């Protein structure tokens, strides 16, 4: 569930915001695997949903699921693999050597009271442009990601080159060389397999904006609630929903949510993709970042 480029961008970006007096500390992966915008109900309506958080834990802050749920998890993982196989030809086209451009919209509904040091509200939406030069097997040779919030104070630009991430907005670099590989299922299957003993996996069918969708979800319940920054707000669990087109198998949207101790669910991050395409070469202003 962790995408390296987004994790680095968002982690550093939140450090920048926290330095200005913000408390928001939840970091999650950028979703770069969907092509079209889907419109959903506002987060305040989603908050009315509830989930059972009364499961007995037997490992520090990570609750093991029952044997019945584990068996269900195995079935859902197998179903996800079979379902996603239908889109492999499209994935292989996108993952062929050359430039890949992915444009996403990210929504992070901060509390209305969360502000920048000057009192202005923290941007809750951004447009993310990701330009990646792919080599063999979908591994990136280099990449530029610009997360544009519409405010230069919070807009972030990150460059990947020679195995090193550089956050140009702060001049921060990763300490060790890493590999970066595009994942078009947002690593749902690998994540679910790795943590199937502590995840509650589920599968549902929905109709979203007139399109049939297969929805896979992964939920983790905590043994002890986790505090929200320095406030008194705590979370009893966390999770994500992955919306795939029932016709093509393409991932359309990912929603990430927190679970409060009373079982209430609130979405804290929603990502769709506005465009995904192979291009001959990025604009000159993008290529210029590799010379900085």
Protein backbone atom coordinates (compact mmCIF):
# COMPACT_ATOMS: atom_id res chain seq x y z
CA UNK A 1 0.00 0.00 0.00
CA UNK A 2 3.04 2.21 0.08
CA UNK A 3 4.21 3.90 -3.12
CA UNK A 4 7.77 5.19 -2.68
CA UNK A 5 7.49 8.45 -4.57
CA UNK A 6 4.31 9.51 -2.83
CA UNK A 7 5.49 8.40 0.59
CA UNK A 8 8.58 10.58 0.23
CA UNK A 9 6.62 13.54 -1.12
CA UNK A 10 3.88 13.45 1.48
CA UNK A 11 6.20 12.72 4.40
CA UNK A 12 8.45 15.67 3.60
CA UNK A 13 5.47 17.84 2.77
CA UNK A 14 3.87 17.18 6.12
CA UNK A 15 7.12 17.99 7.88
CA UNK A 16 7.01 21.33 6.08
CA UNK A 17 3.41 21.92 7.20
CA UNK A 18 4.10 20.78 10.74
CA UNK A 19 6.95 23.25 10.94
CA UNK A 20 4.33 25.90 10.30
CA UNK A 21 2.19 24.77 13.23
CA UNK A 22 0.00 22.02 11.72
CA UNK A 23 -0.81 18.83 13.57
CA UNK A 24 -1.97 16.59 10.77
CA UNK A 25 0.31 13.52 10.86
CA UNK A 26 -1.41 10.79 8.86
CA UNK A 27 0.76 9.88 5.86
CA UNK A 28 -0.40 7.64 3.04
CA UNK A 29 0.46 6.58 -0.46
CA UNK A 30 -0.27 8.49 -3.61
CA UNK A 31 -2.64 6.63 -5.91
CA UNK A 32 -1.48 6.78 -9.50
CA UNK A 33 -3.36 3.89 -11.06
CA UNK A 34 -6.79 5.23 -12.07
CA UNK A 35 -7.89 7.14 -15.16
CA UNK A 36 -11.21 8.85 -14.65
CA UNK A 37 -12.79 11.12 -12.04
CA UNK A 38 -15.63 9.53 -10.07
CA UNK A 39 -17.90 11.67 -7.91
CA UNK A 40 -18.86 10.32 -4.49
CA UNK A 41 -20.99 11.42 -1.58
CA UNK A 42 -19.41 14.04 0.70
CA UNK A 43 -17.28 12.74 3.56
CA UNK A 44 -19.80 13.89 6.16
CA UNK A 45 -22.32 11.41 4.75
CA UNK A 46 -19.77 8.60 4.75
CA UNK A 47 -19.18 9.24 8.44
CA UNK A 48 -22.57 7.69 9.21
CA UNK A 49 -21.19 4.25 8.29
CA UNK A 50 -19.95 2.07 11.14
CA UNK A 51 -17.75 -0.98 11.55
CA UNK A 52 -17.32 -3.44 14.40
CA UNK A 53 -14.21 -2.58 16.44
CA UNK A 54 -14.82 -5.03 19.25
CA UNK A 55 -12.41 -7.74 18.03
CA UNK A 56 -10.18 -9.30 20.70
CA UNK A 57 -6.49 -8.52 20.11
CA UNK A 58 -3.57 -10.88 20.80
CA UNK A 59 -0.59 -8.93 19.40
CA UNK A 60 0.62 -5.42 20.32
CA UNK A 61 -1.53 -2.93 18.42
CA UNK A 62 -2.17 -5.31 15.54
CA UNK A 63 -5.29 -7.44 15.82
CA UNK A 64 -5.22 -10.95 14.35
CA UNK A 65 -8.38 -11.89 12.45
CA UNK A 66 -10.39 -15.02 13.17
CA UNK A 67 -9.76 -18.26 11.29
CA UNK A 68 -13.01 -17.68 9.39
CA UNK A 69 -11.89 -14.22 8.30
CA UNK A 70 -8.47 -15.55 7.34
CA UNK A 71 -10.10 -18.14 5.10
CA UNK A 72 -12.23 -15.39 3.58
CA UNK A 73 -9.11 -13.29 3.07
CA UNK A 74 -7.50 -16.11 1.09
CA UNK A 75 -10.60 -16.34 -1.10
CA UNK A 76 -10.69 -12.59 -1.71
CA UNK A 77 -6.98 -12.45 -2.62
CA UNK A 78 -7.48 -15.28 -5.11
CA UNK A 79 -10.54 -13.52 -6.55
CA UNK A 80 -8.62 -10.23 -6.85
CA UNK A 81 -5.77 -11.91 -8.73
CA UNK A 82 -8.20 -13.54 -11.16
CA UNK A 83 -10.18 -10.34 -11.63
CA UNK A 84 -7.14 -8.14 -12.18
CA UNK A 85 -5.64 -10.51 -14.74
CA UNK A 86 -8.11 -9.17 -17.32
CA UNK A 87 -6.37 -5.79 -17.37
CA UNK A 88 -2.82 -7.13 -17.70
CA UNK A 89 -2.55 -6.32 -21.42
CA UNK A 90 -3.32 -2.67 -20.77
CA UNK A 91 -0.84 -2.59 -17.90
CA UNK A 92 1.89 -4.06 -20.06
CA UNK A 93 1.34 -1.34 -22.66
CA UNK A 94 1.70 1.36 -20.03
CA UNK A 95 4.71 -0.34 -18.47
CA UNK A 96 6.67 -0.60 -21.71
CA UNK A 97 9.94 1.37 -21.84
CA UNK A 98 9.46 5.10 -22.39
CA UNK A 99 7.75 8.05 -20.74
CA UNK A 100 4.56 7.59 -18.76
CA UNK A 101 2.44 10.56 -17.64
CA UNK A 102 -0.14 10.17 -14.89
CA UNK A 103 -2.27 13.07 -13.70
CA UNK A 104 -4.25 12.62 -10.49
CA UNK A 105 -6.49 14.57 -8.18
CA UNK A 106 -5.89 14.15 -4.46
CA UNK A 107 -8.45 15.18 -1.84
CA UNK A 108 -7.46 15.33 1.83
CA UNK A 109 -10.29 16.84 3.90
CA UNK A 110 -8.44 18.48 6.79
CA UNK A 111 -10.56 19.75 9.68
CA UNK A 112 -11.88 23.23 8.99
CA UNK A 113 -9.86 24.51 11.96
CA UNK A 114 -6.55 23.45 10.37
CA UNK A 115 -4.77 26.50 9.03
CA UNK A 116 -1.41 27.74 7.82
CA UNK A 117 0.60 30.06 10.11
CA UNK A 118 -1.00 33.13 8.53
CA UNK A 119 -4.49 31.83 9.32
CA UNK A 120 -5.41 30.78 5.77
CA UNK A 121 -6.91 27.29 5.35
CA UNK A 122 -4.73 24.37 4.37
CA UNK A 123 -5.45 23.33 0.74
CA UNK A 124 -7.61 20.21 0.71
CA UNK A 125 -7.19 19.37 -2.98
CA UNK A 126 -4.20 19.13 -5.29
CA UNK A 127 -3.40 18.11 -8.84
CA UNK A 128 -0.54 15.67 -9.05
CA UNK A 129 1.50 15.36 -12.26
CA UNK A 130 3.81 12.35 -12.36
CA UNK A 131 6.26 12.01 -15.28
CA UNK A 132 8.19 8.73 -15.24
CA UNK A 133 10.81 7.37 -17.64
CA UNK A 134 10.42 3.61 -17.48
CA UNK A 135 13.00 0.98 -18.28
CA UNK A 136 12.54 -2.78 -18.27
CA UNK A 137 9.92 -4.46 -16.04
CA UNK A 138 8.25 -1.15 -15.19
CA UNK A 139 11.16 0.17 -13.12
CA UNK A 140 11.73 3.91 -13.23
CA UNK A 141 14.95 5.36 -14.57
CA UNK A 142 13.96 8.85 -13.48
CA UNK A 143 10.81 10.75 -12.58
CA UNK A 144 9.39 14.14 -11.68
CA UNK A 145 6.29 14.58 -9.54
CA UNK A 146 4.63 17.95 -8.96
CA UNK A 147 1.85 18.10 -6.39
CA UNK A 148 0.17 21.44 -7.11
CA UNK A 149 -2.14 22.70 -4.37
CA UNK A 150 -2.60 26.09 -6.00
CA UNK A 151 -0.53 27.64 -3.20
CA UNK A 152 3.26 27.92 -3.64
CA UNK A 153 3.73 27.41 0.11
CA UNK A 154 2.33 23.89 -0.03
CA UNK A 155 3.00 22.84 -3.64
CA UNK A 156 5.75 20.21 -3.74
CA UNK A 157 8.14 19.03 -6.44
CA UNK A 158 10.12 15.81 -6.15
CA UNK A 159 12.72 14.37 -8.52
CA UNK A 160 13.88 10.76 -8.77
CA UNK A 161 17.23 10.26 -10.51
CA UNK A 162 20.11 7.81 -10.10
CA UNK A 163 18.12 6.02 -7.39
CA UNK A 164 17.85 9.11 -5.20
CA UNK A 165 14.73 11.10 -4.27
CA UNK A 166 15.18 14.86 -4.00
CA UNK A 167 12.47 17.11 -2.60
CA UNK A 168 13.26 20.36 -4.38
CA UNK A 169 10.89 22.44 -2.24
CA UNK A 170 13.05 21.77 0.83
CA UNK A 171 16.32 20.58 -0.66
CA UNK A 172 16.00 17.23 1.12
CA UNK A 173 17.40 14.02 -0.37
CA UNK A 174 16.89 10.35 0.46
CA UNK A 175 19.91 8.79 2.18
CA UNK A 176 20.16 5.56 0.19
CA UNK A 177 19.58 4.56 -3.42
CA UNK A 178 16.23 2.92 -4.05
CA UNK A 179 14.22 1.41 -6.88
CA UNK A 180 10.85 2.78 -7.96
CA UNK A 181 8.35 0.55 -9.76
CA UNK A 182 4.92 1.56 -11.00
CA UNK A 183 2.00 -0.46 -9.60
CA UNK A 184 -1.34 -0.24 -11.36
CA UNK A 185 -3.35 -2.06 -8.69
CA UNK A 186 -1.91 0.26 -6.02
CA UNK A 187 -0.16 -2.82 -4.62
CA UNK A 188 -3.45 -4.06 -3.19
CA UNK A 189 -2.74 -7.74 -3.80
CA UNK A 190 0.82 -7.74 -2.46
CA UNK A 191 -0.26 -5.72 0.59
CA UNK A 192 -3.22 -8.01 1.26
CA UNK A 193 -1.04 -11.11 1.00
CA UNK A 194 1.64 -9.72 3.29
CA UNK A 195 -0.79 -8.72 6.05
CA UNK A 196 -3.70 -11.10 5.56
CA UNK A 197 -3.48 -12.29 9.18
CA UNK A 198 -4.31 -8.82 10.50
CA UNK A 199 -6.48 -7.37 7.72
CA UNK A 200 -10.22 -7.65 7.30
CA UNK A 201 -10.59 -8.06 3.53
CA UNK A 202 -13.91 -7.74 1.75
CA UNK A 203 -15.33 -7.58 -1.75
CA UNK A 204 -18.50 -5.86 -2.96
CA UNK A 205 -20.23 -4.82 -6.18
CA UNK A 206 -21.43 -1.26 -6.64
CA UNK A 207 -22.60 1.09 -9.37
CA UNK A 208 -20.71 4.38 -9.43
CA UNK A 209 -21.74 7.11 -11.86
CA UNK A 210 -23.54 4.51 -13.93
CA UNK A 211 -20.53 2.19 -14.13
CA UNK A 212 -20.43 -1.22 -12.49
CA UNK A 213 -17.53 -1.43 -10.04
CA UNK A 214 -15.85 -4.17 -8.03
CA UNK A 215 -14.73 -2.82 -4.66
CA UNK A 216 -12.03 -4.51 -2.60
CA UNK A 217 -11.47 -3.21 0.91
CA UNK A 218 -8.77 -3.76 3.53
CA UNK A 219 -9.33 -2.78 7.16
CA UNK A 220 -7.02 -2.98 10.16
CA UNK A 221 -8.26 -2.71 13.74
CA UNK A 222 -5.84 -1.51 16.42
CA UNK A 223 -5.42 -3.03 19.86
CA UNK A 224 -5.01 0.43 21.38
CA UNK A 225 -6.36 3.62 19.75
CA UNK A 226 -3.76 5.83 18.10
CA UNK A 227 -3.75 9.52 18.94
CA UNK A 228 -4.32 12.14 16.25
CA UNK A 229 -1.23 14.32 16.66
CA UNK A 230 -1.31 16.11 20.00
CA UNK A 231 -5.08 16.32 20.14
CA UNK A 232 -7.46 14.14 22.14
CA UNK A 233 -8.83 12.53 18.95
CA UNK A 234 -7.94 8.85 18.55
CA UNK A 235 -8.38 6.19 15.88
CA UNK A 236 -9.33 2.57 16.48
CA UNK A 237 -8.33 1.43 13.01
CA UNK A 238 -7.65 2.38 9.43
CA UNK A 239 -8.30 1.05 5.96
CA UNK A 240 -8.79 1.64 2.25
CA UNK A 241 -11.27 0.86 -0.53
CA UNK A 242 -10.15 0.12 -4.07
CA UNK A 243 -12.71 0.75 -6.83
CA UNK A 244 -12.12 -1.24 -10.03
CA UNK A 245 -14.11 -1.08 -13.25
CA UNK A 246 -16.11 -4.30 -13.50
CA UNK A 247 -15.73 -4.23 -17.28
CA UNK A 248 -12.01 -3.58 -17.71
CA UNK A 249 -10.46 -4.38 -14.34
CA UNK A 250 -8.92 -0.91 -14.20
CA UNK A 251 -8.56 0.76 -10.83
CA UNK A 252 -10.64 3.93 -10.84
CA UNK A 253 -10.33 5.32 -7.34
CA UNK A 254 -8.89 4.66 -3.89
CA UNK A 255 -10.40 5.96 -0.66
CA UNK A 256 -8.53 5.79 2.64
CA UNK A 257 -10.36 6.07 5.94
CA UNK A 258 -9.95 6.22 9.69
CA UNK A 259 -12.13 4.30 12.15
CA UNK A 260 -13.01 6.05 15.40
CA UNK A 261 -13.44 4.14 18.70
CA UNK A 262 -17.24 4.23 18.31
CA UNK A 263 -16.97 2.51 14.92
CA UNK A 264 -17.62 5.61 12.83
CA UNK A 265 -15.69 5.78 9.56
CA UNK A 266 -14.34 9.00 8.04
CA UNK A 267 -12.52 9.29 4.73
CA UNK A 268 -9.25 11.21 5.05
CA UNK A 269 -7.87 10.75 1.55
CA UNK A 270 -9.46 10.21 -1.85
CA UNK A 271 -7.47 9.94 -5.09
CA UNK A 272 -8.61 9.68 -8.69
CA UNK A 273 -6.64 10.00 -11.91
CA UNK A 274 -7.46 12.58 -14.53
CA UNK A 275 -5.23 11.11 -17.25
CA UNK A 276 -2.78 8.30 -17.89
CA UNK A 277 -0.83 8.10 -21.13
CA UNK A 278 2.40 7.15 -22.83
CA UNK A 279 4.21 10.19 -24.26
CA UNK A 280 7.25 10.63 -26.49
CA UNK A 281 8.82 13.18 -24.15
CA UNK A 282 7.71 15.50 -21.33
CA UNK A 283 7.61 19.30 -21.74
CA UNK A 284 10.95 21.10 -21.55
CA UNK A 285 10.09 22.54 -18.13
CA UNK A 286 9.78 18.99 -16.77
CA UNK A 287 13.05 17.80 -18.29
CA UNK A 288 14.77 20.87 -16.83
CA UNK A 289 14.27 19.49 -13.30
CA UNK A 290 16.87 16.79 -13.97
CA UNK A 291 19.53 19.47 -14.39
CA UNK A 292 18.86 21.16 -11.05
